[in-house]
């Protein structure tokens, strides 16, 4: 049997839009009506889908421009503070359901707007199926299938761009790629559901006609559509967080292959109907710009001769050090592709940078990585077999971080790290130390690190000592405190837990004295047993009158929720113009 050709001949960029109707005027009026006219379906449904996404991007871009260009005097007014606080409530407010954090209130509302749009465009126009009879043949493409197909096509450019690390949406809105990834995922689900609604009406129609087998054998549109749908289903379901995280190496290795299969067969499936191929051209141009920019940074700007030195810090922690001439900002992350052979060479992994650039020609990128399975497990074995082993690595970045607002801008700062996220705090500590000598006003930073691994304090305090050595000419740092909390199950008798206490127990004080030799002396470092009360810490800073507060967290999802919820609640005081901080800004770091 032949299932080719997959493209109509002759191949053109656009098919014609000439429509004919040999039925009664009333029947022709229905066939050519605005919402069901097949020859204008791309204009009626694909373009509005593009417009919907563009409106969202433009609104966020305008917000970014206004926030960036607003004069400092305006930002000091109470009206500006209250307006900003309203948007921050939408951005920070989440809910905890079991062991899972919901998305922010603003994300949910924007997603709901998208849901309403697609439901209205899908279910609003009637009829869903043509009322074909022996005397009136409207067509073989059910209207509901036609419109959902073109809406799915309209999603395509945004789906691809939202998945790129360097992309124009980030450039316009100031929202880093890792925060846009949720929209890459949600647009993928919207597109998949639309594809299913596009598919099943054709099955229903041809089952009624009794020619399904004939269509499959003689028409490439069925073959290409089914293959594209299978690839799309694989991409969508493998991106479910718990599946992706559990099989991350496999997910990364197959994601791009499945994406290529999907794009190729989707392209053939569209078969230059009306303006369908224009969306592929736009997608290709946008993705090519994103891809070439990333490759330019990797191979030309950053170079290909970097070596990563691997050292085992604890049973679960690996230190990766890379000498480089590149620059970055505190809290940013970078993608590393370790050229160690095997399938791991095919994927790049994001890691948060735990150091800051130093004056001179050579900087050190430092990463503290929790060794699990896959790549990190293999790197740990290499470090155990040969300490300080150097392996070739490619760099892509830096990206993200707290660059939208430097933590140094705030009068009071709270930096929270959980588990291996403790490494994230180091770059912010060193940035504070570096700026301390030139600070124009008294500022304070409190760093809280919580870990279940007692061995963590060994490498962490060693890293603090290294910071002290690099800034030995700086006098005693005022306003910087580091609190290290051990939360392991073996410390069941902890006195200092999340009960709202504001001072350490006697047992914790003894622990602090015992560990004083391991900590840096440039600034205050204290050790505690038990979990910190993060909400109390945020509330304490937010309650200080007239100050600007910056809060940053990197750790488990429960920690993100606790800190983010406290920051969201603090906005209520600002909105109601109560006594307290004039601003509370919150950032959560995704990677560690």
Protein backbone atom coordinates (compact mmCIF):
# COMPACT_ATOMS: atom_id res chain seq x y z
CA UNK A 1 0.00 0.00 0.00
CA UNK A 2 1.11 3.53 -0.67
CA UNK A 3 0.91 6.26 1.92
CA UNK A 4 2.70 8.88 -0.19
CA UNK A 5 2.97 11.51 -1.43
CA UNK A 6 2.81 13.39 1.90
CA UNK A 7 2.69 16.74 0.14
CA UNK A 8 0.27 17.87 -2.52
CA UNK A 9 1.77 18.70 -5.88
CA UNK A 10 2.92 21.16 -6.97
CA UNK A 11 4.38 22.32 -3.65
CA UNK A 12 3.69 25.98 -2.89
CA UNK A 13 4.18 28.29 0.08
CA UNK A 14 0.44 28.97 0.39
CA UNK A 15 -2.55 27.10 -0.97
CA UNK A 16 -5.27 28.99 -2.79
CA UNK A 17 -8.30 30.42 -1.02
CA UNK A 18 -10.82 30.13 -3.84
CA UNK A 19 -14.06 28.74 -2.47
CA UNK A 20 -16.97 27.40 -4.48
CA UNK A 21 -20.50 26.59 -3.36
CA UNK A 22 -23.12 24.79 -5.48
CA UNK A 23 -25.76 24.61 -2.74
CA UNK A 24 -28.69 26.88 -1.88
CA UNK A 25 -27.99 30.48 -0.79
CA UNK A 26 -28.91 29.61 2.80
CA UNK A 27 -26.57 26.62 2.81
CA UNK A 28 -23.77 28.64 1.22
CA UNK A 29 -24.26 31.35 3.83
CA UNK A 30 -23.67 28.75 6.54
CA UNK A 31 -20.61 27.34 4.79
CA UNK A 32 -19.09 30.81 4.33
CA UNK A 33 -20.09 32.17 7.74
CA UNK A 34 -17.36 33.94 9.71
CA UNK A 35 -16.44 31.31 12.31
CA UNK A 36 -16.67 28.17 10.16
CA UNK A 37 -15.37 29.30 6.74
CA UNK A 38 -12.58 26.79 6.06
CA UNK A 39 -10.60 29.01 3.67
CA UNK A 40 -10.21 31.72 6.33
CA UNK A 41 -9.70 29.45 9.34
CA UNK A 42 -6.06 30.46 9.72
CA UNK A 43 -7.06 34.12 9.97
CA UNK A 44 -9.97 33.41 12.31
CA UNK A 45 -8.16 31.13 14.77
CA UNK A 46 -4.38 30.95 14.31
CA UNK A 47 -3.86 34.72 14.20
CA UNK A 48 -6.03 35.42 17.28
CA UNK A 49 -4.00 32.78 19.14
CA UNK A 50 -0.81 34.63 18.21
CA UNK A 51 -2.45 37.89 19.24
CA UNK A 52 -3.41 36.45 22.63
CA UNK A 53 0.18 35.46 23.38
CA UNK A 54 1.53 38.74 22.03
CA UNK A 55 -0.78 40.79 24.25
CA UNK A 56 0.54 38.93 27.30
CA UNK A 57 4.17 39.46 26.23
CA UNK A 58 3.60 43.14 25.46
CA UNK A 59 1.92 43.79 28.81
CA UNK A 60 4.80 42.22 30.72
CA UNK A 61 7.33 44.01 28.52
CA UNK A 62 5.66 47.34 29.25
CA UNK A 63 5.75 46.55 32.95
CA UNK A 64 9.45 45.76 32.69
CA UNK A 65 10.17 48.99 30.81
CA UNK A 66 8.20 51.14 33.24
CA UNK A 67 9.88 49.49 36.23
CA UNK A 68 13.33 49.95 34.71
CA UNK A 69 12.92 53.54 33.52
CA UNK A 70 10.81 54.97 36.34
CA UNK A 71 12.73 57.76 38.11
CA UNK A 72 13.99 56.93 41.63
CA UNK A 73 11.92 59.76 43.05
CA UNK A 74 8.73 58.12 41.78
CA UNK A 75 9.76 54.76 43.23
CA UNK A 76 10.04 56.34 46.67
CA UNK A 77 6.37 57.36 46.74
CA UNK A 78 3.79 55.36 48.70
CA UNK A 79 1.57 55.06 45.63
CA UNK A 80 4.32 53.31 43.68
CA UNK A 81 5.06 51.03 46.64
CA UNK A 82 1.40 50.01 46.98
CA UNK A 83 1.00 49.38 43.25
CA UNK A 84 4.18 47.30 43.20
CA UNK A 85 2.99 45.36 46.24
CA UNK A 86 -0.25 44.42 44.46
CA UNK A 87 1.67 42.82 41.60
CA UNK A 88 4.04 41.13 44.04
CA UNK A 89 1.15 39.47 45.85
CA UNK A 90 0.19 37.93 42.52
CA UNK A 91 3.78 36.85 41.91
CA UNK A 92 4.65 35.53 45.38
CA UNK A 93 1.45 33.96 46.70
CA UNK A 94 1.39 30.15 46.47
CA UNK A 95 -0.33 27.31 48.32
CA UNK A 96 1.10 24.13 49.77
CA UNK A 97 -0.77 20.94 48.86
CA UNK A 98 0.85 17.94 50.49
CA UNK A 99 4.47 17.97 49.37
CA UNK A 100 3.74 20.11 46.32
CA UNK A 101 3.70 23.87 45.81
CA UNK A 102 1.11 25.40 43.55
CA UNK A 103 2.13 28.01 41.03
CA UNK A 104 1.82 31.63 42.04
CA UNK A 105 -1.57 33.32 42.11
CA UNK A 106 -0.64 35.48 39.12
CA UNK A 107 0.50 32.46 37.13
CA UNK A 108 -2.77 30.67 37.88
CA UNK A 109 -4.83 33.71 36.84
CA UNK A 110 -2.91 34.12 33.59
CA UNK A 111 -3.24 30.41 32.90
CA UNK A 112 -6.98 30.68 33.60
CA UNK A 113 -7.22 33.50 31.07
CA UNK A 114 -5.61 31.22 28.50
CA UNK A 115 -8.00 28.42 29.40
CA UNK A 116 -11.01 30.71 28.94
CA UNK A 117 -9.64 31.91 25.59
CA UNK A 118 -9.12 28.41 24.19
CA UNK A 119 -12.43 27.10 25.54
CA UNK A 120 -14.32 30.04 24.07
CA UNK A 121 -12.62 29.73 20.68
CA UNK A 122 -13.13 25.96 20.63
CA UNK A 123 -16.66 25.55 21.97
CA UNK A 124 -18.19 28.93 21.14
CA UNK A 125 -18.66 28.75 17.34
CA UNK A 126 -21.30 26.36 16.00
CA UNK A 127 -21.76 23.91 14.38
CA UNK A 128 -19.10 21.47 15.57
CA UNK A 129 -19.82 19.10 12.64
CA UNK A 130 -21.15 19.91 9.18
CA UNK A 131 -24.81 18.92 8.66
CA UNK A 132 -23.93 16.92 5.54
CA UNK A 133 -26.73 15.22 3.63
CA UNK A 134 -27.04 13.60 0.22
CA UNK A 135 -28.19 16.93 -1.18
CA UNK A 136 -25.83 19.22 0.77
CA UNK A 137 -22.11 18.47 1.10
CA UNK A 138 -20.41 21.14 3.22
CA UNK A 139 -17.06 19.41 3.47
CA UNK A 140 -15.11 16.60 5.14
CA UNK A 141 -13.32 18.75 7.72
CA UNK A 142 -15.46 19.24 10.86
CA UNK A 143 -15.37 22.92 11.91
CA UNK A 144 -14.31 22.10 15.48
CA UNK A 145 -11.39 20.08 14.12
CA UNK A 146 -10.38 22.84 11.72
CA UNK A 147 -10.27 25.60 14.29
CA UNK A 148 -8.45 23.60 16.98
CA UNK A 149 -5.85 22.56 14.43
CA UNK A 150 -5.12 26.16 13.52
CA UNK A 151 -5.09 27.25 17.16
CA UNK A 152 -2.53 24.54 17.88
CA UNK A 153 -0.50 25.85 14.96
CA UNK A 154 -0.66 29.37 16.41
CA UNK A 155 0.88 28.05 19.65
CA UNK A 156 3.91 26.61 17.86
CA UNK A 157 6.27 29.64 17.72
CA UNK A 158 5.66 30.47 21.38
CA UNK A 159 6.09 26.85 22.47
CA UNK A 160 9.55 26.68 20.90
CA UNK A 161 10.74 30.13 21.97
CA UNK A 162 9.62 29.63 25.58
CA UNK A 163 11.79 26.51 25.75
CA UNK A 164 14.99 28.31 24.71
CA UNK A 165 17.48 29.55 27.33
CA UNK A 166 18.28 32.74 25.42
CA UNK A 167 15.04 34.03 23.95
CA UNK A 168 13.41 37.34 22.95
CA UNK A 169 10.64 37.00 25.55
CA UNK A 170 13.23 37.07 28.33
CA UNK A 171 14.90 40.05 26.69
CA UNK A 172 11.61 41.96 26.52
CA UNK A 173 10.06 41.04 29.85
CA UNK A 174 13.12 40.54 32.04
CA UNK A 175 11.75 37.15 33.14
CA UNK A 176 14.53 34.57 33.15
CA UNK A 177 14.21 31.42 31.06
CA UNK A 178 13.78 29.06 34.02
CA UNK A 179 10.71 31.01 35.14
CA UNK A 180 9.31 30.93 31.60
CA UNK A 181 9.69 27.16 31.51
CA UNK A 182 6.31 26.68 33.19
CA UNK A 183 4.73 28.46 30.22
CA UNK A 184 6.65 26.24 27.82
CA UNK A 185 5.07 23.32 29.65
CA UNK A 186 1.56 24.76 29.83
CA UNK A 187 1.54 25.85 26.18
CA UNK A 188 2.64 22.31 25.29
CA UNK A 189 -0.36 20.89 27.16
CA UNK A 190 -2.72 23.39 25.52
CA UNK A 191 -1.34 22.50 22.12
CA UNK A 192 -1.63 18.76 22.83
CA UNK A 193 -5.26 19.01 23.97
CA UNK A 194 -6.07 21.10 20.90
CA UNK A 195 -4.40 18.45 18.74
CA UNK A 196 -6.56 15.75 20.31
CA UNK A 197 -9.73 17.78 19.73
CA UNK A 198 -8.51 18.28 16.17
CA UNK A 199 -8.00 14.54 15.68
CA UNK A 200 -11.07 12.82 17.08
CA UNK A 201 -13.74 14.64 15.03
CA UNK A 202 -12.05 13.34 11.87
CA UNK A 203 -12.19 9.81 13.27
CA UNK A 204 -15.87 10.24 14.14
CA UNK A 205 -16.69 11.69 10.72
CA UNK A 206 -14.91 9.02 8.69
CA UNK A 207 -16.27 6.23 10.87
CA UNK A 208 -19.73 7.50 9.99
CA UNK A 209 -18.76 7.61 6.33
CA UNK A 210 -17.19 4.15 6.55
CA UNK A 211 -14.01 5.18 4.74
CA UNK A 212 -11.44 5.34 7.57
CA UNK A 213 -9.30 2.51 6.14
CA UNK A 214 -9.39 4.10 2.69
CA UNK A 215 -8.28 7.47 4.07
CA UNK A 216 -5.42 5.85 5.96
CA UNK A 217 -4.18 3.96 2.91
CA UNK A 218 -4.48 6.73 0.35
CA UNK A 219 -3.81 9.93 2.27
CA UNK A 220 -0.53 11.00 3.84
CA UNK A 221 -2.38 13.48 6.04
CA UNK A 222 -3.44 10.66 8.38
CA UNK A 223 0.01 9.09 8.59
CA UNK A 224 1.79 12.37 9.24
CA UNK A 225 -0.85 13.45 11.74
CA UNK A 226 -0.67 10.23 13.76
CA UNK A 227 3.15 10.23 13.89
CA UNK A 228 3.18 13.90 14.93
CA UNK A 229 0.56 13.22 17.61
CA UNK A 230 2.51 10.26 19.03
CA UNK A 231 5.70 12.35 19.21
CA UNK A 232 3.74 15.19 20.78
CA UNK A 233 2.24 12.85 23.38
CA UNK A 234 5.72 11.58 24.27
CA UNK A 235 7.05 15.12 24.65
CA UNK A 236 4.11 16.22 26.78
CA UNK A 237 3.83 13.27 29.16
CA UNK A 238 7.59 12.90 29.64
CA UNK A 239 7.63 16.55 30.75
CA UNK A 240 5.41 15.85 33.77
CA UNK A 241 7.68 17.01 36.64
CA UNK A 242 7.92 13.77 38.62
CA UNK A 243 8.62 11.75 35.45
CA UNK A 244 11.12 14.29 34.12
CA UNK A 245 12.98 14.53 37.43
CA UNK A 246 13.04 10.76 37.96
CA UNK A 247 14.42 10.03 34.49
CA UNK A 248 16.12 13.34 33.75
CA UNK A 249 19.03 11.97 31.70
CA UNK A 250 16.69 9.90 29.55
CA UNK A 251 14.28 12.83 29.26
CA UNK A 252 17.01 15.18 28.04
CA UNK A 253 18.39 12.63 25.61
CA UNK A 254 15.03 11.91 23.96
CA UNK A 255 13.38 15.33 24.18
CA UNK A 256 15.16 16.90 21.22
CA UNK A 257 14.87 13.74 19.10
CA UNK A 258 11.12 13.55 19.71
CA UNK A 259 10.83 17.30 19.06
CA UNK A 260 12.50 16.90 15.66
CA UNK A 261 10.17 14.04 14.73
CA UNK A 262 7.19 16.11 15.81
CA UNK A 263 8.26 19.19 13.84
CA UNK A 264 9.00 17.27 10.63
CA UNK A 265 5.73 15.33 10.57
CA UNK A 266 3.69 18.32 11.72
CA UNK A 267 5.21 20.26 8.82
CA UNK A 268 4.19 17.55 6.33
CA UNK A 269 0.78 17.28 7.97
CA UNK A 270 0.02 20.98 7.41
CA UNK A 271 0.85 20.54 3.70
CA UNK A 272 1.06 24.32 2.97
CA UNK A 273 -2.66 24.79 3.67
CA UNK A 274 -3.35 28.52 3.52
CA UNK A 275 -0.66 30.25 5.60
CA UNK A 276 0.24 27.23 7.76
CA UNK A 277 3.87 27.09 6.67
CA UNK A 278 4.36 30.74 7.68
CA UNK A 279 4.20 29.59 11.30
CA UNK A 280 6.98 27.10 10.71
CA UNK A 281 9.09 29.78 9.06
CA UNK A 282 8.55 32.13 12.01
CA UNK A 283 9.36 29.31 14.44
CA UNK A 284 12.52 28.37 12.55
CA UNK A 285 13.77 31.96 12.42
CA UNK A 286 13.13 32.61 16.11
CA UNK A 287 14.63 29.33 17.27
CA UNK A 288 17.65 29.75 14.99
CA UNK A 289 18.36 33.16 16.53
CA UNK A 290 18.08 31.70 20.04
CA UNK A 291 20.22 28.68 19.19
CA UNK A 292 22.95 30.55 17.34
CA UNK A 293 23.19 33.11 20.14
CA UNK A 294 23.70 30.32 22.69
CA UNK A 295 26.27 28.60 20.45
CA UNK A 296 28.08 31.88 19.89
CA UNK A 297 28.43 32.35 23.65
CA UNK A 298 29.55 28.76 24.15
CA UNK A 299 32.12 28.39 21.40
CA UNK A 300 33.27 31.92 20.56
CA UNK A 301 32.79 34.09 23.64
CA UNK A 302 33.43 31.47 26.33
CA UNK A 303 35.68 29.14 24.35
CA UNK A 304 36.12 25.37 24.26
CA UNK A 305 39.25 24.87 26.38
CA UNK A 306 37.78 25.01 29.85
CA UNK A 307 38.66 22.33 32.36
CA UNK A 308 36.57 21.45 35.39
CA UNK A 309 38.40 20.26 38.51
CA UNK A 310 36.44 17.77 40.57
CA UNK A 311 36.89 17.33 44.31
CA UNK A 312 34.84 15.37 46.82
CA UNK A 313 33.82 17.57 49.75
CA UNK A 314 31.54 15.14 51.62
CA UNK A 315 29.86 11.82 50.88
CA UNK A 316 27.10 13.68 49.08
CA UNK A 317 28.72 16.93 47.92
CA UNK A 318 30.98 17.49 44.94
CA UNK A 319 32.93 20.69 44.32
CA UNK A 320 33.47 21.74 40.71
CA UNK A 321 35.96 24.53 39.94
CA UNK A 322 36.52 26.10 36.51
CA UNK A 323 39.05 28.81 35.66
CA UNK A 324 37.62 31.31 33.18
CA UNK A 325 37.78 34.90 32.01
CA UNK A 326 34.02 35.33 31.74
CA UNK A 327 31.98 37.60 34.03
CA UNK A 328 28.74 36.92 35.88
CA UNK A 329 26.49 38.32 38.58
CA UNK A 330 25.88 36.83 42.04
CA UNK A 331 23.24 34.12 42.04
CA UNK A 332 23.35 33.36 38.32
CA UNK A 333 23.49 29.85 36.93
CA UNK A 334 25.32 28.35 34.00
CA UNK A 335 24.86 25.22 31.90
CA UNK A 336 27.76 22.76 31.93
CA UNK A 337 28.34 20.06 29.33
CA UNK A 338 30.97 17.64 30.65
CA UNK A 339 32.92 16.00 27.82
CA UNK A 340 33.57 12.77 29.72
CA UNK A 341 32.25 10.36 27.11
CA UNK A 342 28.97 8.48 27.05
CA UNK A 343 25.47 9.83 26.68
CA UNK A 344 26.12 12.60 29.22
CA UNK A 345 28.00 14.52 26.54
CA UNK A 346 24.71 15.07 24.74
CA UNK A 347 23.15 17.13 27.52
CA UNK A 348 24.02 20.30 29.42
CA UNK A 349 23.03 20.66 33.07
CA UNK A 350 22.28 23.90 34.96
CA UNK A 351 24.22 24.69 38.14
CA UNK A 352 24.10 27.81 40.31
CA UNK A 353 27.43 29.64 40.53
CA UNK A 354 28.67 29.80 44.13
CA UNK A 355 31.43 32.39 43.58
CA UNK A 356 31.83 35.95 42.28
CA UNK A 357 34.31 37.33 39.73
CA UNK A 358 37.61 38.52 41.17
CA UNK A 359 39.73 41.48 40.01
CA UNK A 360 42.25 40.34 37.44
CA UNK A 361 42.29 38.30 34.27
CA UNK A 362 41.19 34.90 35.60
CA UNK A 363 38.05 34.14 37.58
CA UNK A 364 36.95 30.93 39.22
CA UNK A 365 33.54 29.42 38.67
CA UNK A 366 32.78 27.35 41.77
CA UNK A 367 29.86 24.93 42.08
CA UNK A 368 28.77 22.75 44.98
CA UNK A 369 26.80 19.85 43.56
CA UNK A 370 24.80 17.20 45.37
CA UNK A 371 25.83 13.86 43.89
CA UNK A 372 22.82 11.77 42.95
CA UNK A 373 22.56 9.34 40.05
CA UNK A 374 23.32 9.98 36.40
CA UNK A 375 25.90 12.61 35.57
CA UNK A 376 26.54 13.89 39.10
CA UNK A 377 26.99 10.34 40.39
CA UNK A 378 29.52 9.64 37.66
CA UNK A 379 31.43 12.85 38.40
CA UNK A 380 31.57 11.96 42.10
CA UNK A 381 33.07 8.56 41.28
CA UNK A 382 35.70 10.27 39.14
CA UNK A 383 36.54 12.66 41.99
CA UNK A 384 36.85 9.75 44.44
CA UNK A 385 39.12 7.79 42.13
CA UNK A 386 41.32 10.77 41.25
CA UNK A 387 41.04 13.87 43.50
CA UNK A 388 41.15 17.21 41.64
CA UNK A 389 40.68 15.40 38.36
CA UNK A 390 40.37 17.82 35.43
CA UNK A 391 37.78 17.07 32.76
CA UNK A 392 36.93 19.14 29.66
CA UNK A 393 33.70 21.10 29.88
CA UNK A 394 31.67 23.48 27.71
CA UNK A 395 29.95 26.50 29.24
CA UNK A 396 26.62 28.03 28.25
CA UNK A 397 25.59 31.13 30.15
CA UNK A 398 25.39 32.73 32.58
CA UNK A 399 21.63 33.07 32.87
CA UNK A 400 19.03 34.21 35.38
CA UNK A 401 19.95 34.94 38.95
CA UNK A 402 19.05 38.01 40.98
CA UNK A 403 20.20 40.40 38.27
CA UNK A 404 16.81 42.11 38.01
CA UNK A 405 17.44 43.58 41.44
CA UNK A 406 20.87 43.42 43.05
CA UNK A 407 20.62 42.25 46.64
CA UNK A 408 23.05 45.05 47.47
CA UNK A 409 20.31 47.62 46.79
CA UNK A 410 18.35 46.72 49.91
CA UNK A 411 18.74 48.04 53.44
CA UNK A 412 18.01 44.62 54.92
CA UNK A 413 18.60 41.31 53.19
CA UNK A 414 17.68 37.75 54.09
CA UNK A 415 19.37 34.95 52.15
CA UNK A 416 18.13 31.41 52.78
CA UNK A 417 19.75 28.21 51.55
CA UNK A 418 18.54 24.67 52.12
CA UNK A 419 20.59 21.52 51.53
CA UNK A 420 22.97 21.92 48.63
CA UNK A 421 21.28 25.28 48.02
CA UNK A 422 23.66 26.52 50.72
CA UNK A 423 26.22 26.96 47.97
CA UNK A 424 23.99 29.56 46.37
CA UNK A 425 24.39 31.81 49.42
CA UNK A 426 28.17 31.97 49.11
CA UNK A 427 28.24 34.27 46.08
CA UNK A 428 25.83 36.67 47.77
CA UNK A 429 27.93 36.65 50.96
CA UNK A 430 31.09 37.43 49.03
CA UNK A 431 29.36 40.14 47.04
CA UNK A 432 28.25 41.74 50.31
CA UNK A 433 31.79 41.53 51.72
CA UNK A 434 33.23 43.04 48.55
CA UNK A 435 30.81 45.95 48.65
CA UNK A 436 31.07 46.53 52.41
CA UNK A 437 34.00 48.91 52.15
CA UNK A 438 32.23 51.19 49.65
CA UNK A 439 28.73 51.06 51.14
CA UNK A 440 27.23 54.53 51.48
CA UNK A 441 24.71 53.56 54.13
CA UNK A 442 24.52 50.95 56.82
CA UNK A 443 23.15 47.71 55.42
CA UNK A 444 22.51 44.34 56.98
CA UNK A 445 22.44 40.83 55.58
CA UNK A 446 21.38 37.71 57.41
CA UNK A 447 22.16 34.34 55.87
CA UNK A 448 20.33 31.23 57.08
CA UNK A 449 21.52 27.83 55.94
CA UNK A 450 19.64 24.64 56.87
CA UNK A 451 20.87 21.13 56.17
CA UNK A 452 20.21 17.54 57.19
CA UNK A 453 23.84 16.62 56.43
CA UNK A 454 26.15 17.33 59.42
CA UNK A 455 29.15 17.17 57.08
CA UNK A 456 27.86 20.16 55.13
CA UNK A 457 29.23 22.64 57.65
CA UNK A 458 32.74 21.33 56.90
CA UNK A 459 32.84 22.47 53.29
CA UNK A 460 30.61 25.47 53.94
CA UNK A 461 32.79 26.94 56.68
CA UNK A 462 35.85 26.18 54.56
CA UNK A 463 34.27 28.20 51.76
CA UNK A 464 33.66 31.05 54.23
CA UNK A 465 37.32 30.96 55.21
CA UNK A 466 38.30 31.19 51.55
CA UNK A 467 36.10 34.27 51.19
CA UNK A 468 37.83 35.77 54.21
CA UNK A 469 41.26 35.07 52.73
CA UNK A 470 40.37 36.67 49.41
CA UNK A 471 39.26 39.82 51.23
CA UNK A 472 41.84 39.85 54.01
CA UNK A 473 42.40 43.58 53.57
CA UNK A 474 38.79 44.27 54.51
CA UNK A 475 38.23 45.02 58.18
CA UNK A 476 35.56 43.36 60.30
CA UNK A 477 32.31 43.27 58.34
CA UNK A 478 29.41 44.98 60.07
CA UNK A 479 25.85 43.79 59.61
CA UNK A 480 26.56 40.31 58.21
CA UNK A 481 25.39 37.23 60.11
CA UNK A 482 25.52 33.60 59.03
CA UNK A 483 23.33 31.06 60.84
CA UNK A 484 23.83 27.37 60.12
CA UNK A 485 21.03 25.03 61.23
CA UNK A 486 21.45 21.27 61.38
CA UNK A 487 18.07 19.61 60.91
CA UNK A 488 18.97 15.93 60.66
CA UNK A 489 16.79 13.29 62.37
CA UNK A 490 19.56 12.39 64.78
CA UNK A 491 19.05 15.78 66.43
CA UNK A 492 15.61 14.91 67.79
CA UNK A 493 16.29 16.76 71.01
CA UNK A 494 16.68 20.13 69.33
CA UNK A 495 15.61 23.14 71.34
CA UNK A 496 15.81 25.73 68.58
CA UNK A 497 13.00 24.82 66.21
CA UNK A 498 10.29 26.64 64.30
CA UNK A 499 8.34 27.84 67.30
CA UNK A 500 9.02 31.52 66.97
CA UNK A 501 11.94 31.70 69.40
CA UNK A 502 14.39 34.41 68.51
CA UNK A 503 17.43 33.27 70.46
CA UNK A 504 19.46 30.06 70.38
CA UNK A 505 19.29 27.54 73.19
CA UNK A 506 22.20 26.85 75.53
CA UNK A 507 22.91 23.66 73.62
CA UNK A 508 23.14 25.65 70.40
CA UNK A 509 25.47 28.16 72.04
CA UNK A 510 27.78 25.35 73.11
CA UNK A 511 27.73 24.00 69.57
CA UNK A 512 28.63 27.44 68.27
CA UNK A 513 31.61 27.64 70.61
CA UNK A 514 32.78 24.17 69.67
CA UNK A 515 32.69 25.05 66.01
CA UNK A 516 34.18 28.53 66.26
CA UNK A 517 37.51 27.32 64.96
CA UNK A 518 35.84 26.15 61.74
CA UNK A 519 34.14 29.41 60.95
CA UNK A 520 35.42 32.62 59.44
CA UNK A 521 36.18 35.40 61.89
CA UNK A 522 35.45 38.30 59.54
CA UNK A 523 31.74 38.06 60.28
CA UNK A 524 29.43 36.37 62.75
CA UNK A 525 28.81 32.66 62.17
CA UNK A 526 26.54 30.74 64.54
CA UNK A 527 25.46 27.11 64.62
CA UNK A 528 22.03 25.87 65.71
CA UNK A 529 20.19 22.61 65.99
CA UNK A 530 16.69 22.35 64.57
CA UNK A 531 14.80 24.04 61.78
CA UNK A 532 14.79 27.83 61.52
CA UNK A 533 11.50 29.68 61.68
CA UNK A 534 11.72 31.37 58.31
CA UNK A 535 8.37 33.13 58.53
CA UNK A 536 9.46 34.79 61.76
CA UNK A 537 12.69 35.89 60.12
CA UNK A 538 10.85 37.48 57.19
CA UNK A 539 8.27 39.10 59.45
CA UNK A 540 11.02 40.54 61.63
CA UNK A 541 12.65 42.30 58.69
CA UNK A 542 9.36 43.37 57.12
CA UNK A 543 8.32 44.94 60.41
CA UNK A 544 11.22 47.41 60.43
CA UNK A 545 9.90 50.84 59.56
CA UNK A 546 10.88 52.50 56.29
CA UNK A 547 13.46 49.98 55.08
CA UNK A 548 13.73 48.14 51.76
CA UNK A 549 13.96 44.40 52.29
CA UNK A 550 15.32 41.81 49.86
CA UNK A 551 14.63 38.11 50.44
CA UNK A 552 16.27 35.33 48.43
CA UNK A 553 15.85 31.56 48.82
CA UNK A 554 17.33 28.44 47.24
CA UNK A 555 16.32 25.09 48.64
CA UNK A 556 13.50 22.54 48.93
CA UNK A 557 10.01 23.41 47.74
CA UNK A 558 8.69 23.65 51.30
CA UNK A 559 11.32 26.27 52.07
CA UNK A 560 10.37 28.23 48.95
CA UNK A 561 6.74 28.17 50.02
CA UNK A 562 7.39 29.29 53.60
CA UNK A 563 9.58 32.22 52.58
CA UNK A 564 7.44 33.18 49.58
CA UNK A 565 4.21 33.14 51.58
CA UNK A 566 5.75 35.36 54.25
CA UNK A 567 6.93 37.77 51.55
CA UNK A 568 3.44 37.76 50.00
CA UNK A 569 1.82 38.48 53.36
CA UNK A 570 4.23 41.37 53.90
CA UNK A 571 2.81 43.01 50.78
CA UNK A 572 -0.56 43.33 52.52
CA UNK A 573 0.98 45.69 55.07
CA UNK A 574 2.48 47.80 52.29
CA UNK A 575 -0.82 47.94 50.37
CA UNK A 576 -2.69 49.07 53.47
CA UNK A 577 0.09 51.58 54.23
CA UNK A 578 0.75 50.17 57.68
CA UNK A 579 3.91 50.74 59.62
CA UNK A 580 6.78 48.58 58.44
CA UNK A 581 9.10 48.09 55.47
CA UNK A 582 8.41 50.25 52.44
CA UNK A 583 9.35 47.37 50.12
CA UNK A 584 9.73 43.59 50.41
CA UNK A 585 11.23 41.94 47.33
CA UNK A 586 11.47 38.17 46.91
CA UNK A 587 13.49 35.94 44.58
CA UNK A 588 13.64 32.15 44.46
CA UNK A 589 16.48 30.34 42.75
CA UNK A 590 15.43 27.25 40.84
CA UNK A 591 18.80 25.57 40.44
CA UNK A 592 21.48 24.66 42.96
